[in-house]
Amino acid sequence: MVRSLVGAGNGCAILNMQPQTKISYCGSELVVLPTSDPLPPLNLAIGYDKSQPRKLVKYFCRCMC
């Protein structure tokens, strides 16, 4: 979503990751600039209702976690 909004000219973003392509999802060009300081690796988290997880969420967590 961030890449699409930025690519459409609706602002800018600073992310601690480098995209695989230099094209946004809406087709506009992205500009990737390196940071001068090393950053910690990106941490991803999964949030869901453990008392009633959807089947897709249960499958994803079982396979990826």
N, C-alpha and C. Protein backbone atom coordinates (compact mmCIF):
# COMPACT_ATOMS: atom_id res chain seq x y z
N MET A 1 0.82 -1.17 0.00
CA MET A 1 0.00 0.00 0.00
C MET A 1 0.87 1.25 0.00
N VAL A 2 1.93 1.23 0.81
CA VAL A 2 2.82 2.39 0.87
C VAL A 2 3.42 2.67 -0.50
N ARG A 3 3.91 1.63 -1.17
CA ARG A 3 4.53 1.82 -2.48
C ARG A 3 3.54 2.37 -3.50
N SER A 4 2.28 1.91 -3.45
CA SER A 4 1.27 2.40 -4.39
C SER A 4 0.96 3.87 -4.13
N LEU A 5 0.79 4.24 -2.86
CA LEU A 5 0.49 5.64 -2.55
C LEU A 5 1.64 6.55 -2.93
N VAL A 6 2.86 6.15 -2.62
CA VAL A 6 4.02 6.97 -2.97
C VAL A 6 4.17 7.04 -4.48
N GLY A 7 4.02 5.90 -5.15
CA GLY A 7 4.14 5.87 -6.60
C GLY A 7 3.10 6.73 -7.30
N ALA A 8 1.94 6.89 -6.67
CA ALA A 8 0.88 7.72 -7.25
C ALA A 8 1.05 9.19 -6.89
N GLY A 9 2.15 9.53 -6.20
CA GLY A 9 2.42 10.92 -5.87
C GLY A 9 1.75 11.40 -4.60
N ASN A 10 1.30 10.48 -3.76
CA ASN A 10 0.62 10.86 -2.52
C ASN A 10 1.55 10.79 -1.33
N GLY A 11 2.70 11.42 -1.40
CA GLY A 11 3.60 11.46 -0.28
C GLY A 11 4.91 10.75 -0.52
N CYS A 12 5.60 10.47 0.57
CA CYS A 12 6.88 9.77 0.50
C CYS A 12 6.95 8.83 1.70
N ALA A 13 7.92 7.92 1.67
CA ALA A 13 8.05 6.95 2.76
C ALA A 13 9.51 6.65 3.00
N ILE A 14 9.85 6.37 4.24
CA ILE A 14 11.17 5.88 4.60
C ILE A 14 10.96 4.50 5.21
N LEU A 15 11.43 3.48 4.54
CA LEU A 15 11.26 2.10 5.00
C LEU A 15 12.63 1.47 5.19
N ASN A 16 12.75 0.57 6.14
CA ASN A 16 14.04 -0.09 6.36
C ASN A 16 14.12 -1.40 5.58
N MET A 17 13.72 -1.33 4.33
CA MET A 17 13.83 -2.48 3.43
C MET A 17 14.00 -1.95 2.01
N GLN A 18 14.58 -2.75 1.17
CA GLN A 18 14.76 -2.36 -0.22
C GLN A 18 13.83 -3.21 -1.08
N PRO A 19 13.00 -2.59 -1.91
CA PRO A 19 12.10 -3.36 -2.74
C PRO A 19 12.85 -4.17 -3.80
N GLN A 20 12.25 -5.25 -4.26
CA GLN A 20 12.85 -6.09 -5.29
C GLN A 20 12.85 -5.40 -6.65
N THR A 21 11.92 -4.46 -6.85
CA THR A 21 11.83 -3.74 -8.12
C THR A 21 11.86 -2.24 -7.85
N LYS A 22 12.06 -1.47 -8.88
CA LYS A 22 12.04 -0.01 -8.75
C LYS A 22 10.76 0.56 -9.35
N ILE A 23 9.75 -0.29 -9.47
CA ILE A 23 8.45 0.12 -9.99
C ILE A 23 7.40 -0.13 -8.92
N SER A 24 6.53 0.86 -8.68
CA SER A 24 5.46 0.68 -7.70
C SER A 24 4.38 -0.22 -8.26
N TYR A 25 3.46 -0.64 -7.42
CA TYR A 25 2.38 -1.51 -7.86
C TYR A 25 1.45 -0.81 -8.85
N CYS A 26 1.43 0.52 -8.84
CA CYS A 26 0.60 1.23 -9.81
C CYS A 26 1.39 1.59 -11.07
N GLY A 27 2.66 1.18 -11.14
CA GLY A 27 3.44 1.36 -12.37
C GLY A 27 4.38 2.54 -12.37
N SER A 28 4.37 3.38 -11.35
CA SER A 28 5.27 4.53 -11.29
C SER A 28 6.64 4.10 -10.79
N GLU A 29 7.67 4.89 -11.13
CA GLU A 29 9.04 4.57 -10.73
C GLU A 29 9.29 4.97 -9.28
N LEU A 30 10.01 4.12 -8.57
CA LEU A 30 10.42 4.41 -7.19
C LEU A 30 11.88 4.84 -7.19
N VAL A 31 12.27 5.63 -6.23
CA VAL A 31 13.67 6.01 -6.05
C VAL A 31 14.13 5.38 -4.74
N VAL A 32 15.18 4.57 -4.82
CA VAL A 32 15.71 3.89 -3.64
C VAL A 32 17.03 4.54 -3.27
N LEU A 33 17.12 5.06 -2.05
CA LEU A 33 18.34 5.68 -1.56
C LEU A 33 18.83 4.93 -0.34
N PRO A 34 20.11 4.59 -0.27
CA PRO A 34 20.62 3.87 0.91
C PRO A 34 20.69 4.81 2.11
N THR A 35 20.57 4.23 3.30
CA THR A 35 20.76 5.00 4.53
C THR A 35 22.25 5.00 4.86
N SER A 36 22.68 6.00 5.60
CA SER A 36 24.10 6.09 5.93
C SER A 36 24.46 5.24 7.14
N ASP A 37 23.49 4.94 7.99
CA ASP A 37 23.74 4.12 9.18
C ASP A 37 23.16 2.73 8.98
N PRO A 38 23.83 1.70 9.50
CA PRO A 38 23.24 0.36 9.42
C PRO A 38 21.98 0.28 10.29
N LEU A 39 20.99 -0.40 9.80
CA LEU A 39 19.73 -0.54 10.53
C LEU A 39 19.54 -1.99 10.97
N PRO A 40 18.79 -2.20 12.05
CA PRO A 40 18.52 -3.58 12.46
C PRO A 40 17.64 -4.26 11.41
N PRO A 41 17.65 -5.58 11.36
CA PRO A 41 16.81 -6.27 10.39
C PRO A 41 15.33 -6.03 10.65
N LEU A 42 14.54 -6.19 9.63
CA LEU A 42 13.10 -6.00 9.72
C LEU A 42 12.47 -7.16 10.48
N ASN A 43 11.65 -6.86 11.46
CA ASN A 43 10.91 -7.87 12.21
C ASN A 43 9.47 -7.89 11.72
N LEU A 44 8.96 -9.06 11.40
CA LEU A 44 7.57 -9.20 10.98
C LEU A 44 6.80 -9.92 12.09
N ALA A 45 5.55 -9.58 12.24
CA ALA A 45 4.71 -10.21 13.26
C ALA A 45 3.36 -10.58 12.65
N ILE A 46 2.74 -11.56 13.25
CA ILE A 46 1.42 -11.99 12.82
C ILE A 46 0.45 -11.68 13.95
N GLY A 47 -0.62 -11.00 13.64
CA GLY A 47 -1.64 -10.70 14.63
C GLY A 47 -2.96 -11.32 14.21
N TYR A 48 -3.57 -12.09 15.09
CA TYR A 48 -4.86 -12.70 14.79
C TYR A 48 -5.55 -13.11 16.09
N ASP A 49 -6.82 -13.41 15.99
CA ASP A 49 -7.62 -13.84 17.13
C ASP A 49 -7.37 -15.32 17.37
N LYS A 50 -6.58 -15.66 18.38
CA LYS A 50 -6.24 -17.06 18.63
C LYS A 50 -7.46 -17.89 19.04
N SER A 51 -8.49 -17.27 19.56
CA SER A 51 -9.66 -18.03 19.98
C SER A 51 -10.54 -18.45 18.80
N GLN A 52 -10.46 -17.71 17.68
CA GLN A 52 -11.25 -18.05 16.50
C GLN A 52 -10.46 -17.73 15.22
N PRO A 53 -9.31 -18.36 15.02
CA PRO A 53 -8.54 -18.04 13.80
C PRO A 53 -9.23 -18.61 12.56
N ARG A 54 -9.14 -17.88 11.47
CA ARG A 54 -9.67 -18.36 10.19
C ARG A 54 -8.81 -19.53 9.71
N LYS A 55 -9.37 -20.39 8.88
CA LYS A 55 -8.64 -21.56 8.39
C LYS A 55 -7.36 -21.15 7.67
N LEU A 56 -7.44 -20.11 6.88
CA LEU A 56 -6.27 -19.64 6.15
C LEU A 56 -5.16 -19.19 7.09
N VAL A 57 -5.54 -18.50 8.16
CA VAL A 57 -4.57 -18.03 9.16
C VAL A 57 -3.92 -19.22 9.86
N LYS A 58 -4.72 -20.22 10.25
CA LYS A 58 -4.17 -21.42 10.90
C LYS A 58 -3.19 -22.12 9.99
N TYR A 59 -3.53 -22.26 8.72
CA TYR A 59 -2.65 -22.92 7.74
C TYR A 59 -1.35 -22.13 7.58
N PHE A 60 -1.46 -20.81 7.43
CA PHE A 60 -0.28 -19.98 7.25
C PHE A 60 0.65 -20.09 8.45
N CYS A 61 0.10 -20.01 9.66
CA CYS A 61 0.91 -20.09 10.88
C CYS A 61 1.55 -21.46 11.02
N ARG A 62 0.84 -22.50 10.66
CA ARG A 62 1.38 -23.85 10.76
C ARG A 62 2.55 -24.03 9.78
N CYS A 63 2.45 -23.45 8.60
CA CYS A 63 3.48 -23.63 7.57
C CYS A 63 4.66 -22.66 7.70
N MET A 64 4.42 -21.46 8.19
CA MET A 64 5.45 -20.41 8.17
C MET A 64 6.07 -20.11 9.52
N CYS A 65 5.43 -20.49 10.61
CA CYS A 65 5.93 -20.08 11.93
C CYS A 65 6.85 -21.13 12.53
